[in-house]
Each structure stands twice: as structure tokens, then as C-alpha cells.
N, C-alpha and C. Protein backbone atom coordinates (compact mmCIF):
# COMPACT_ATOMS: atom_id res chain seq x y z
N UNK A 1 -18.42 -36.27 -69.11
CA UNK A 1 -19.35 -35.15 -69.34
C UNK A 1 -19.65 -34.41 -68.04
N UNK A 2 -20.40 -33.34 -68.16
CA UNK A 2 -20.76 -32.56 -66.97
C UNK A 2 -21.58 -33.39 -66.00
N UNK A 3 -22.42 -34.26 -66.56
CA UNK A 3 -23.25 -35.10 -65.70
C UNK A 3 -22.39 -36.00 -64.83
N UNK A 4 -21.34 -36.56 -65.41
CA UNK A 4 -20.44 -37.43 -64.66
C UNK A 4 -19.73 -36.63 -63.57
N UNK A 5 -19.30 -35.43 -63.90
CA UNK A 5 -18.63 -34.59 -62.91
C UNK A 5 -19.57 -34.24 -61.77
N UNK A 6 -20.80 -33.94 -62.12
CA UNK A 6 -21.79 -33.59 -61.11
C UNK A 6 -22.02 -34.78 -60.17
N UNK A 7 -22.08 -35.96 -60.75
CA UNK A 7 -22.27 -37.17 -59.95
C UNK A 7 -21.09 -37.37 -59.01
N UNK A 8 -19.88 -37.15 -59.50
CA UNK A 8 -18.69 -37.29 -58.66
C UNK A 8 -18.72 -36.31 -57.50
N UNK A 9 -19.17 -35.10 -57.77
CA UNK A 9 -19.25 -34.07 -56.73
C UNK A 9 -20.25 -34.50 -55.66
N UNK A 10 -21.40 -35.00 -56.10
CA UNK A 10 -22.43 -35.44 -55.15
C UNK A 10 -21.92 -36.59 -54.30
N UNK A 11 -21.26 -37.55 -54.92
CA UNK A 11 -20.72 -38.70 -54.20
C UNK A 11 -19.69 -38.24 -53.17
N UNK A 12 -18.85 -37.29 -53.55
CA UNK A 12 -17.83 -36.77 -52.64
C UNK A 12 -18.49 -36.10 -51.44
N UNK A 13 -19.53 -35.32 -51.67
CA UNK A 13 -20.23 -34.63 -50.59
C UNK A 13 -20.86 -35.65 -49.65
N UNK A 14 -21.47 -36.68 -50.22
CA UNK A 14 -22.10 -37.72 -49.40
C UNK A 14 -21.04 -38.43 -48.56
N UNK A 15 -19.92 -38.75 -49.15
CA UNK A 15 -18.84 -39.43 -48.43
C UNK A 15 -18.33 -38.55 -47.28
N UNK A 16 -18.19 -37.28 -47.54
CA UNK A 16 -17.71 -36.36 -46.50
C UNK A 16 -18.75 -36.23 -45.39
N UNK A 17 -20.03 -36.27 -45.78
CA UNK A 17 -21.09 -36.16 -44.79
C UNK A 17 -21.08 -37.37 -43.87
N UNK A 18 -20.73 -38.54 -44.41
CA UNK A 18 -20.68 -39.75 -43.60
C UNK A 18 -19.46 -39.67 -42.69
């Protein structure tokens, strides 16, 4: 669902920030 996609996007951003 869109919620899952949004979560994946947030996780990716956090990983890139690290």
C-alpha cells in the first residue's frame, strides 16, 4: 500500500542521511 511505500522512502532517506 501507499503507507508501505512511504515507510520505505523514509527508511531510505534515513539510511542515506547516516
